Amino acid sequence: MKQTLKHEVFTKRKHLNKEEIKKKSELVKNNLYSLSDFKKAKNILFYVSFNNEVDTQGTIKELLKNKEKNIIVPYVEKNNPILQLSELHDLNELEPKTFDIMEPKGSCIREFNPEKIDMALVPGMVFDLKGHRIGYGYGYYDRFLKTVKNNLIKIGLAYDFQIINKIPEEEHDVPMDIIITDERIVKCQN
């Protein structure tokens, strides 16, 4: 069932054109900015968008320019199943690496303590109303989120068509606290 859901959403996402992505991502960003938790957060973990995901790169660029938040991005070390974190100062510090996802260049890595993160923005293929998510199947975010403080605010960013009523949950899944889409903010009851 998870594979079918992933395939359906991936197909819908693949067919979004650049203008739709830009418009929907702007709505997601506005919803994110409206959250009091976001306004209070100082250290925010952002995924770096790729493959027609909700665009985070424009938001990252805007926040880096404003210098009001510390932007933290994940990267993967070979043979280490846990995401590593680096503080980002400029989008030019990124290059395509693991799975063709933009990560910090080796010379630009500024290790960041996961315990200092206030909020994590998490990608996913499918989310449900309780905050469960289907990721890409590698488990990086679930493993990482199990290692951080309990009061970390976990937010899934998605297009509204990525939300369904219920996902079959698994023991290793870490649910989101909030899901933000182009149409709504879902406060998850997990």
N, C-alpha and C. Protein backbone atom coordinates (compact mmCIF):
# COMPACT_ATOMS: atom_id res chain seq x y z
N MET A 1 0.81 -1.20 0.00
CA MET A 1 0.00 0.00 0.00
C MET A 1 0.86 1.27 0.00
N LYS A 2 1.95 1.26 0.82
CA LYS A 2 2.82 2.44 0.88
C LYS A 2 3.43 2.74 -0.49
N GLN A 3 3.84 1.70 -1.18
CA GLN A 3 4.45 1.90 -2.50
C GLN A 3 3.45 2.52 -3.48
N THR A 4 2.21 2.07 -3.42
CA THR A 4 1.17 2.61 -4.30
C THR A 4 0.93 4.08 -4.00
N LEU A 5 0.82 4.41 -2.71
CA LEU A 5 0.63 5.81 -2.31
C LEU A 5 1.79 6.67 -2.78
N LYS A 6 3.01 6.19 -2.56
CA LYS A 6 4.19 6.94 -2.99
C LYS A 6 4.17 7.18 -4.49
N HIS A 7 3.82 6.15 -5.24
CA HIS A 7 3.81 6.26 -6.70
C HIS A 7 2.77 7.28 -7.16
N GLU A 8 1.57 7.22 -6.57
CA GLU A 8 0.50 8.16 -6.95
C GLU A 8 0.92 9.60 -6.69
N VAL A 9 1.48 9.86 -5.51
CA VAL A 9 1.88 11.22 -5.16
C VAL A 9 3.07 11.67 -6.00
N PHE A 10 4.02 10.77 -6.20
CA PHE A 10 5.19 11.12 -7.02
C PHE A 10 4.75 11.52 -8.42
N THR A 11 3.80 10.79 -8.98
CA THR A 11 3.30 11.10 -10.32
C THR A 11 2.63 12.47 -10.35
N LYS A 12 1.80 12.77 -9.35
CA LYS A 12 1.15 14.09 -9.29
C LYS A 12 2.20 15.19 -9.16
N ARG A 13 3.16 14.95 -8.30
CA ARG A 13 4.20 15.96 -8.06
C ARG A 13 5.06 16.19 -9.30
N LYS A 14 5.34 15.09 -9.99
CA LYS A 14 6.17 15.17 -11.20
C LYS A 14 5.51 16.03 -12.27
N HIS A 15 4.18 16.05 -12.29
CA HIS A 15 3.46 16.79 -13.32
C HIS A 15 3.22 18.27 -12.98
N LEU A 16 3.68 18.70 -11.80
CA LEU A 16 3.58 20.12 -11.47
C LEU A 16 4.57 20.90 -12.33
N ASN A 17 4.12 22.01 -12.88
CA ASN A 17 5.07 22.84 -13.63
C ASN A 17 5.73 23.84 -12.67
N LYS A 18 6.76 24.52 -13.16
CA LYS A 18 7.53 25.43 -12.31
C LYS A 18 6.67 26.53 -11.69
N GLU A 19 5.72 27.03 -12.45
CA GLU A 19 4.84 28.09 -11.94
C GLU A 19 3.95 27.57 -10.80
N GLU A 20 3.42 26.35 -10.95
CA GLU A 20 2.59 25.76 -9.89
C GLU A 20 3.42 25.53 -8.62
N ILE A 21 4.64 25.02 -8.81
CA ILE A 21 5.52 24.79 -7.66
C ILE A 21 5.80 26.10 -6.94
N LYS A 22 6.11 27.13 -7.72
CA LYS A 22 6.42 28.44 -7.13
C LYS A 22 5.22 28.98 -6.36
N LYS A 23 4.04 28.93 -6.97
CA LYS A 23 2.82 29.46 -6.34
C LYS A 23 2.47 28.68 -5.07
N LYS A 24 2.45 27.35 -5.17
CA LYS A 24 2.09 26.52 -4.02
C LYS A 24 3.14 26.64 -2.90
N SER A 25 4.41 26.70 -3.28
CA SER A 25 5.48 26.83 -2.28
C SER A 25 5.40 28.16 -1.55
N GLU A 26 5.02 29.20 -2.26
CA GLU A 26 4.85 30.52 -1.63
C GLU A 26 3.73 30.47 -0.59
N LEU A 27 2.64 29.76 -0.91
CA LEU A 27 1.54 29.61 0.05
C LEU A 27 1.97 28.80 1.27
N VAL A 28 2.77 27.75 1.05
CA VAL A 28 3.30 26.96 2.16
C VAL A 28 4.18 27.86 3.04
N LYS A 29 5.06 28.63 2.40
CA LYS A 29 5.94 29.54 3.14
C LYS A 29 5.14 30.52 3.99
N ASN A 30 4.10 31.12 3.41
CA ASN A 30 3.28 32.07 4.16
C ASN A 30 2.61 31.40 5.36
N ASN A 31 2.15 30.17 5.18
CA ASN A 31 1.56 29.43 6.30
C ASN A 31 2.61 29.14 7.38
N LEU A 32 3.82 28.79 6.95
CA LEU A 32 4.91 28.55 7.89
C LEU A 32 5.21 29.82 8.68
N TYR A 33 5.37 30.92 7.99
CA TYR A 33 5.69 32.20 8.64
C TYR A 33 4.61 32.63 9.62
N SER A 34 3.38 32.19 9.42
CA SER A 34 2.28 32.60 10.30
C SER A 34 2.29 31.87 11.65
N LEU A 35 3.05 30.79 11.75
CA LEU A 35 3.07 30.00 12.99
C LEU A 35 3.83 30.72 14.09
N SER A 36 3.25 30.78 15.28
CA SER A 36 3.96 31.39 16.40
C SER A 36 5.23 30.59 16.73
N ASP A 37 5.17 29.27 16.58
CA ASP A 37 6.36 28.44 16.82
C ASP A 37 7.50 28.83 15.88
N PHE A 38 7.17 29.14 14.64
CA PHE A 38 8.20 29.55 13.68
C PHE A 38 8.78 30.90 14.09
N LYS A 39 7.92 31.81 14.49
CA LYS A 39 8.39 33.15 14.88
C LYS A 39 9.36 33.07 16.05
N LYS A 40 9.12 32.12 16.97
CA LYS A 40 9.98 31.97 18.16
C LYS A 40 11.26 31.18 17.87
N ALA A 41 11.23 30.32 16.88
CA ALA A 41 12.36 29.43 16.61
C ALA A 41 13.58 30.21 16.13
N LYS A 42 14.73 29.84 16.65
CA LYS A 42 15.99 30.49 16.24
C LYS A 42 16.80 29.58 15.32
N ASN A 43 16.88 28.30 15.65
CA ASN A 43 17.67 27.33 14.89
C ASN A 43 16.73 26.37 14.18
N ILE A 44 16.68 26.46 12.86
CA ILE A 44 15.70 25.68 12.09
C ILE A 44 16.41 24.76 11.11
N LEU A 45 16.07 23.48 11.20
CA LEU A 45 16.58 22.49 10.25
C LEU A 45 15.66 22.50 9.03
N PHE A 46 16.23 22.81 7.88
CA PHE A 46 15.51 22.82 6.61
C PHE A 46 16.00 21.67 5.75
N TYR A 47 15.11 20.92 5.14
CA TYR A 47 15.55 20.05 4.05
C TYR A 47 15.77 20.95 2.85
N VAL A 48 16.68 20.56 1.97
CA VAL A 48 16.93 21.32 0.75
C VAL A 48 16.14 20.63 -0.36
N SER A 49 15.15 21.33 -0.87
CA SER A 49 14.19 20.72 -1.81
C SER A 49 14.84 20.28 -3.11
N PHE A 50 14.27 19.21 -3.66
CA PHE A 50 14.65 18.72 -4.99
C PHE A 50 13.47 17.93 -5.55
N ASN A 51 13.53 17.65 -6.83
CA ASN A 51 12.56 16.74 -7.45
C ASN A 51 11.10 17.16 -7.25
N ASN A 52 10.81 18.45 -7.45
CA ASN A 52 9.45 18.99 -7.36
C ASN A 52 8.85 18.98 -5.96
N GLU A 53 9.68 18.85 -4.92
CA GLU A 53 9.18 19.00 -3.55
C GLU A 53 8.75 20.45 -3.35
N VAL A 54 8.02 20.69 -2.25
CA VAL A 54 7.75 22.08 -1.85
C VAL A 54 9.11 22.77 -1.79
N ASP A 55 9.22 23.89 -2.50
CA ASP A 55 10.51 24.57 -2.61
C ASP A 55 10.89 25.21 -1.28
N THR A 56 12.02 24.78 -0.75
CA THR A 56 12.56 25.41 0.47
C THR A 56 13.72 26.33 0.14
N GLN A 57 14.28 26.21 -1.05
CA GLN A 57 15.48 26.99 -1.36
C GLN A 57 15.21 28.49 -1.38
N GLY A 58 14.05 28.90 -1.88
CA GLY A 58 13.70 30.32 -1.87
C GLY A 58 13.53 30.84 -0.45
N THR A 59 12.91 30.04 0.40
CA THR A 59 12.71 30.43 1.80
C THR A 59 14.05 30.50 2.52
N ILE A 60 14.90 29.51 2.28
CA ILE A 60 16.23 29.52 2.89
C ILE A 60 16.99 30.78 2.49
N LYS A 61 16.97 31.09 1.20
CA LYS A 61 17.68 32.28 0.70
C LYS A 61 17.16 33.55 1.38
N GLU A 62 15.84 33.65 1.49
CA GLU A 62 15.21 34.81 2.13
C GLU A 62 15.63 34.93 3.60
N LEU A 63 15.61 33.81 4.31
CA LEU A 63 15.95 33.83 5.73
C LEU A 63 17.44 34.08 5.95
N LEU A 64 18.28 33.57 5.06
CA LEU A 64 19.72 33.85 5.18
C LEU A 64 19.98 35.34 5.00
N LYS A 65 19.26 35.94 4.08
CA LYS A 65 19.42 37.38 3.82
C LYS A 65 18.99 38.20 5.04
N ASN A 66 17.87 37.80 5.68
CA ASN A 66 17.35 38.52 6.85
C ASN A 66 18.19 38.32 8.10
N LYS A 67 18.90 37.20 8.16
CA LYS A 67 19.78 36.85 9.29
C LYS A 67 19.04 36.80 10.63
N GLU A 68 17.75 36.48 10.60
CA GLU A 68 16.99 36.38 11.84
C GLU A 68 16.99 34.96 12.41
N LYS A 69 17.28 33.99 11.56
CA LYS A 69 17.26 32.59 11.97
C LYS A 69 18.59 31.94 11.56
N ASN A 70 18.98 30.92 12.32
CA ASN A 70 20.11 30.09 11.90
C ASN A 70 19.54 28.96 11.06
N ILE A 71 20.03 28.82 9.85
CA ILE A 71 19.55 27.79 8.94
C ILE A 71 20.50 26.61 9.01
N ILE A 72 19.93 25.47 9.32
CA ILE A 72 20.69 24.23 9.45
C ILE A 72 20.21 23.30 8.34
N VAL A 73 21.15 22.62 7.68
CA VAL A 73 20.78 21.68 6.62
C VAL A 73 21.43 20.32 6.91
N PRO A 74 20.78 19.26 6.46
CA PRO A 74 21.33 17.93 6.69
C PRO A 74 22.32 17.53 5.60
N TYR A 75 23.18 16.60 5.98
CA TYR A 75 24.04 15.95 4.98
C TYR A 75 24.27 14.52 5.44
N VAL A 76 24.69 13.70 4.52
CA VAL A 76 24.88 12.28 4.79
C VAL A 76 26.36 11.95 4.69
N GLU A 77 26.86 11.24 5.69
CA GLU A 77 28.23 10.73 5.64
C GLU A 77 28.18 9.28 5.19
N LYS A 78 29.13 8.91 4.36
CA LYS A 78 29.20 7.53 3.88
C LYS A 78 29.27 6.58 5.07
N ASN A 79 28.51 5.52 5.02
CA ASN A 79 28.48 4.47 6.05
C ASN A 79 27.94 4.95 7.40
N ASN A 80 27.23 6.08 7.44
CA ASN A 80 26.61 6.54 8.67
C ASN A 80 25.12 6.73 8.39
N PRO A 81 24.26 5.94 9.06
CA PRO A 81 22.83 6.00 8.77
C PRO A 81 22.10 7.19 9.41
N ILE A 82 22.81 8.02 10.18
CA ILE A 82 22.18 9.17 10.85
C ILE A 82 22.53 10.45 10.10
N LEU A 83 21.53 11.29 9.87
CA LEU A 83 21.78 12.59 9.24
C LEU A 83 22.75 13.40 10.10
N GLN A 84 23.65 14.08 9.44
CA GLN A 84 24.54 15.04 10.09
C GLN A 84 24.01 16.43 9.78
N LEU A 85 24.38 17.41 10.61
CA LEU A 85 23.86 18.75 10.43
C LEU A 85 24.97 19.77 10.25
N SER A 86 24.68 20.76 9.42
CA SER A 86 25.63 21.84 9.19
C SER A 86 24.88 23.16 9.14
N GLU A 87 25.47 24.19 9.74
CA GLU A 87 24.89 25.53 9.63
C GLU A 87 25.22 26.08 8.25
N LEU A 88 24.23 26.67 7.62
CA LEU A 88 24.38 27.19 6.26
C LEU A 88 24.43 28.72 6.30
N HIS A 89 25.37 29.29 5.56
CA HIS A 89 25.47 30.75 5.47
C HIS A 89 25.08 31.27 4.10
N ASP A 90 25.15 30.41 3.08
CA ASP A 90 24.85 30.84 1.71
C ASP A 90 24.48 29.61 0.88
N LEU A 91 23.51 29.76 -0.02
CA LEU A 91 23.12 28.63 -0.87
C LEU A 91 24.26 28.17 -1.78
N ASN A 92 25.21 29.05 -2.06
CA ASN A 92 26.36 28.66 -2.89
C ASN A 92 27.27 27.65 -2.20
N GLU A 93 27.05 27.42 -0.92
CA GLU A 93 27.84 26.43 -0.18
C GLU A 93 27.36 25.00 -0.44
N LEU A 94 26.28 24.87 -1.21
CA LEU A 94 25.69 23.55 -1.47
C LEU A 94 26.08 23.03 -2.84
N GLU A 95 26.14 21.70 -2.93
CA GLU A 95 26.37 21.02 -4.20
C GLU A 95 25.61 19.70 -4.19
N PRO A 96 25.26 19.17 -5.37
CA PRO A 96 24.55 17.88 -5.40
C PRO A 96 25.45 16.75 -4.89
N LYS A 97 24.91 15.98 -3.95
CA LYS A 97 25.68 14.85 -3.40
C LYS A 97 24.79 13.62 -3.34
N THR A 98 24.58 13.08 -2.13
CA THR A 98 23.83 11.84 -1.94
C THR A 98 22.44 11.94 -2.57
N PHE A 99 22.11 10.97 -3.42
CA PHE A 99 20.82 10.92 -4.12
C PHE A 99 20.56 12.18 -4.95
N ASP A 100 21.61 12.90 -5.28
CA ASP A 100 21.53 14.15 -6.06
C ASP A 100 20.89 15.30 -5.28
N ILE A 101 20.84 15.16 -3.96
CA ILE A 101 20.29 16.20 -3.10
C ILE A 101 21.41 17.19 -2.76
N MET A 102 21.05 18.46 -2.71
CA MET A 102 22.03 19.50 -2.39
C MET A 102 22.44 19.38 -0.91
N GLU A 103 23.76 19.30 -0.71
CA GLU A 103 24.34 19.21 0.63
C GLU A 103 25.53 20.15 0.70
N PRO A 104 25.99 20.48 1.91
CA PRO A 104 27.15 21.36 2.02
C PRO A 104 28.40 20.74 1.40
N LYS A 105 29.16 21.60 0.71
CA LYS A 105 30.47 21.18 0.22
C LYS A 105 31.32 20.87 1.44
N GLY A 106 32.25 19.95 1.28
CA GLY A 106 33.10 19.55 2.41
C GLY A 106 33.75 20.72 3.12
N SER A 107 34.22 21.69 2.36
CA SER A 107 34.91 22.85 2.94
C SER A 107 33.94 23.81 3.65
N CYS A 108 32.65 23.62 3.45
CA CYS A 108 31.64 24.54 4.03
C CYS A 108 30.88 23.92 5.19
N ILE A 109 31.25 22.73 5.60
CA ILE A 109 30.53 22.08 6.70
C ILE A 109 30.86 22.77 8.02
N ARG A 110 29.83 23.20 8.70
CA ARG A 110 29.93 23.77 10.05
C ARG A 110 29.03 22.91 10.92
N GLU A 111 29.62 21.92 11.57
CA GLU A 111 28.81 20.97 12.34
C GLU A 111 27.93 21.71 13.34
N PHE A 112 26.71 21.19 13.48
CA PHE A 112 25.74 21.83 14.36
C PHE A 112 25.17 20.78 15.31
N ASN A 113 25.09 21.12 16.57
CA ASN A 113 24.59 20.21 17.60
C ASN A 113 23.07 20.03 17.44
N PRO A 114 22.61 18.81 17.19
CA PRO A 114 21.17 18.57 17.01
C PRO A 114 20.31 19.01 18.20
N GLU A 115 20.88 19.01 19.39
CA GLU A 115 20.12 19.40 20.59
C GLU A 115 19.75 20.88 20.58
N LYS A 116 20.41 21.66 19.75
CA LYS A 116 20.13 23.11 19.70
C LYS A 116 19.07 23.48 18.67
N ILE A 117 18.56 22.49 17.94
CA ILE A 117 17.53 22.77 16.93
C ILE A 117 16.19 23.00 17.62
N ASP A 118 15.50 24.04 17.20
CA ASP A 118 14.18 24.35 17.75
C ASP A 118 13.06 23.75 16.90
N MET A 119 13.31 23.63 15.61
CA MET A 119 12.28 23.20 14.67
C MET A 119 12.94 22.44 13.52
N ALA A 120 12.29 21.36 13.09
CA ALA A 120 12.78 20.60 11.94
C ALA A 120 11.71 20.58 10.87
N LEU A 121 12.06 21.02 9.67
CA LEU A 121 11.16 20.96 8.52
C LEU A 121 11.53 19.72 7.74
N VAL A 122 10.57 18.82 7.60
CA VAL A 122 10.84 17.47 7.12
C VAL A 122 10.12 17.20 5.80
N PRO A 123 10.83 16.61 4.84
CA PRO A 123 10.18 16.26 3.57
C PRO A 123 9.42 14.95 3.72
N GLY A 124 8.59 14.65 2.75
CA GLY A 124 7.89 13.37 2.73
C GLY A 124 7.12 13.23 1.44
N MET A 125 6.76 12.01 1.14
CA MET A 125 5.95 11.75 -0.06
C MET A 125 4.47 11.86 0.27
N VAL A 126 4.09 11.29 1.43
CA VAL A 126 2.69 11.26 1.85
C VAL A 126 2.65 11.49 3.36
N PHE A 127 1.64 12.24 3.82
CA PHE A 127 1.43 12.47 5.25
C PHE A 127 -0.02 12.14 5.57
N ASP A 128 -0.26 11.77 6.85
CA ASP A 128 -1.66 11.63 7.26
C ASP A 128 -1.98 12.65 8.35
N LEU A 129 -3.24 12.70 8.75
CA LEU A 129 -3.70 13.73 9.67
C LEU A 129 -3.15 13.57 11.09
N LYS A 130 -2.59 12.40 11.39
CA LYS A 130 -1.96 12.18 12.70
C LYS A 130 -0.47 12.49 12.66
N GLY A 131 0.02 12.93 11.51
CA GLY A 131 1.42 13.31 11.41
C GLY A 131 2.35 12.23 10.91
N HIS A 132 1.82 11.05 10.64
CA HIS A 132 2.67 9.99 10.10
C HIS A 132 3.05 10.33 8.67
N ARG A 133 4.21 9.87 8.27
CA ARG A 133 4.68 10.20 6.93
C ARG A 133 5.28 8.98 6.26
N ILE A 134 5.21 9.02 4.95
CA ILE A 134 5.94 8.06 4.13
C ILE A 134 7.04 8.88 3.47
N GLY A 135 8.26 8.52 3.76
CA GLY A 135 9.40 9.23 3.17
C GLY A 135 9.82 8.54 1.89
N TYR A 136 11.09 8.63 1.63
CA TYR A 136 11.63 8.05 0.40
C TYR A 136 12.10 6.61 0.61
N GLY A 137 12.03 6.14 1.85
CA GLY A 137 12.33 4.73 2.10
C GLY A 137 13.71 4.44 2.65
N TYR A 138 14.50 5.48 2.89
CA TYR A 138 15.85 5.25 3.41
C TYR A 138 15.93 5.40 4.92
N GLY A 139 14.92 6.02 5.53
CA GLY A 139 14.84 6.11 6.99
C GLY A 139 15.73 7.15 7.65
N TYR A 140 16.39 8.00 6.87
CA TYR A 140 17.32 8.97 7.46
C TYR A 140 16.62 9.89 8.47
N TYR A 141 15.49 10.45 8.09
CA TYR A 141 14.81 11.39 9.00
C TYR A 141 14.25 10.68 10.22
N ASP A 142 13.65 9.51 10.06
CA ASP A 142 13.12 8.79 11.22
C ASP A 142 14.24 8.46 12.21
N ARG A 143 15.37 7.97 11.71
CA ARG A 143 16.49 7.65 12.61
C ARG A 143 16.99 8.92 13.31
N PHE A 144 17.11 9.99 12.55
CA PHE A 144 17.59 11.24 13.12
C PHE A 144 16.62 11.77 14.18
N LEU A 145 15.33 11.80 13.85
CA LEU A 145 14.35 12.39 14.76
C LEU A 145 14.22 11.61 16.07
N LYS A 146 14.57 10.32 16.05
CA LYS A 146 14.54 9.53 17.28
C LYS A 146 15.68 9.91 18.22
N THR A 147 16.71 10.58 17.69
CA THR A 147 17.88 10.90 18.51
C THR A 147 17.84 12.29 19.12
N VAL A 148 16.84 13.10 18.77
CA VAL A 148 16.83 14.49 19.23
C VAL A 148 15.84 14.70 20.37
N LYS A 149 15.90 15.88 20.95
CA LYS A 149 15.06 16.19 22.12
C LYS A 149 13.58 16.06 21.81
N ASN A 150 12.82 15.71 22.83
CA ASN A 150 11.38 15.48 22.66
C ASN A 150 10.59 16.73 22.31
N ASN A 151 11.07 17.90 22.73
CA ASN A 151 10.30 19.12 22.47
C ASN A 151 10.63 19.76 21.13
N LEU A 152 11.40 19.09 20.31
CA LEU A 152 11.68 19.58 18.96
C LEU A 152 10.37 19.61 18.17
N ILE A 153 10.08 20.73 17.54
CA ILE A 153 8.86 20.86 16.74
C ILE A 153 9.14 20.30 15.36
N LYS A 154 8.39 19.26 15.00
CA LYS A 154 8.59 18.57 13.73
C LYS A 154 7.46 18.96 12.77
N ILE A 155 7.85 19.54 11.64
CA ILE A 155 6.87 20.04 10.68
C ILE A 155 7.11 19.42 9.31
N GLY A 156 6.07 18.81 8.77
CA GLY A 156 6.13 18.30 7.41
C GLY A 156 5.64 19.37 6.45
N LEU A 157 6.37 19.60 5.38
CA LEU A 157 5.94 20.53 4.34
C LEU A 157 5.47 19.71 3.15
N ALA A 158 4.29 20.05 2.62
CA ALA A 158 3.72 19.23 1.55
C ALA A 158 2.72 20.03 0.73
N TYR A 159 2.46 19.53 -0.46
CA TYR A 159 1.32 20.04 -1.23
C TYR A 159 0.08 19.36 -0.64
N ASP A 160 -1.05 20.01 -0.74
CA ASP A 160 -2.24 19.46 -0.09
C ASP A 160 -2.61 18.07 -0.62
N PHE A 161 -2.31 17.78 -1.87
CA PHE A 161 -2.64 16.45 -2.41
C PHE A 161 -1.78 15.34 -1.79
N GLN A 162 -0.78 15.70 -1.01
CA GLN A 162 0.06 14.71 -0.35
C GLN A 162 -0.51 14.26 0.99
N ILE A 163 -1.63 14.84 1.40
CA ILE A 163 -2.26 14.50 2.68
C ILE A 163 -3.38 13.50 2.46
N ILE A 164 -3.35 12.42 3.24
CA ILE A 164 -4.44 11.45 3.22
C ILE A 164 -4.94 11.26 4.65
N ASN A 165 -6.04 10.55 4.82
CA ASN A 165 -6.61 10.37 6.16
C ASN A 165 -5.73 9.51 7.06
N LYS A 166 -5.24 8.37 6.54
CA LYS A 166 -4.48 7.46 7.40
C LYS A 166 -3.43 6.71 6.61
N ILE A 167 -2.26 6.64 7.20
CA ILE A 167 -1.14 5.87 6.65
C ILE A 167 -0.91 4.69 7.58
N PRO A 168 -0.64 3.52 7.02
CA PRO A 168 -0.27 2.40 7.90
C PRO A 168 1.03 2.77 8.63
N GLU A 169 0.96 2.85 9.95
CA GLU A 169 2.15 3.27 10.69
C GLU A 169 3.02 2.08 11.06
N GLU A 170 4.31 2.36 11.18
CA GLU A 170 5.27 1.34 11.56
C GLU A 170 5.99 1.79 12.82
N GLU A 171 6.57 0.84 13.53
CA GLU A 171 7.18 1.12 14.83
C GLU A 171 8.27 2.19 14.75
N HIS A 172 9.02 2.23 13.67
CA HIS A 172 10.14 3.17 13.56
C HIS A 172 9.72 4.58 13.14
N ASP A 173 8.45 4.76 12.77
CA ASP A 173 7.99 6.06 12.29
C ASP A 173 7.96 7.10 13.41
N VAL A 174 8.40 8.30 13.09
CA VAL A 174 8.33 9.43 14.02
C VAL A 174 7.32 10.42 13.43
N PRO A 175 6.17 10.62 14.10
CA PRO A 175 5.15 11.51 13.54
C PRO A 175 5.51 12.99 13.64
N MET A 176 4.96 13.75 12.73
CA MET A 176 5.11 15.20 12.73
C MET A 176 4.15 15.81 13.76
N ASP A 177 4.48 17.00 14.22
CA ASP A 177 3.58 17.74 15.10
C ASP A 177 2.61 18.58 14.28
N ILE A 178 3.10 19.06 13.15
CA ILE A 178 2.32 19.95 12.28
C ILE A 178 2.64 19.59 10.83
N ILE A 179 1.65 19.70 9.97
CA ILE A 179 1.89 19.58 8.52
C ILE A 179 1.38 20.88 7.90
N ILE A 180 2.23 21.47 7.09
CA ILE A 180 1.86 22.72 6.42
C ILE A 180 1.76 22.46 4.93
N THR A 181 0.63 22.84 4.36
CA THR A 181 0.43 22.69 2.91
C THR A 181 0.11 24.06 2.31
N ASP A 182 -0.13 24.05 1.03
CA ASP A 182 -0.51 25.26 0.32
C ASP A 182 -1.94 25.68 0.65
N GLU A 183 -2.70 24.81 1.31
CA GLU A 183 -4.11 25.11 1.61
C GLU A 183 -4.44 25.17 3.09
N ARG A 184 -3.59 24.58 3.94
CA ARG A 184 -3.96 24.50 5.36
C ARG A 184 -2.76 24.20 6.24
N ILE A 185 -3.01 24.39 7.53
CA ILE A 185 -2.06 23.99 8.56
C ILE A 185 -2.75 22.91 9.38
N VAL A 186 -2.15 21.73 9.43
CA VAL A 186 -2.73 20.60 10.16
C VAL A 186 -1.96 20.42 11.46
N LYS A 187 -2.65 20.63 12.59
CA LYS A 187 -2.05 20.34 13.90
C LYS A 187 -2.34 18.87 14.17
N CYS A 188 -1.31 18.08 14.17
CA CYS A 188 -1.47 16.62 14.24
C CYS A 188 -1.78 16.18 15.66
N GLN A 189 -2.59 15.15 15.77
CA GLN A 189 -2.96 14.59 17.06
C GLN A 189 -2.32 13.23 17.18
N ASN A 190 -1.07 13.23 17.64
CA ASN A 190 -0.36 11.94 17.73
C ASN A 190 -0.07 11.55 19.16
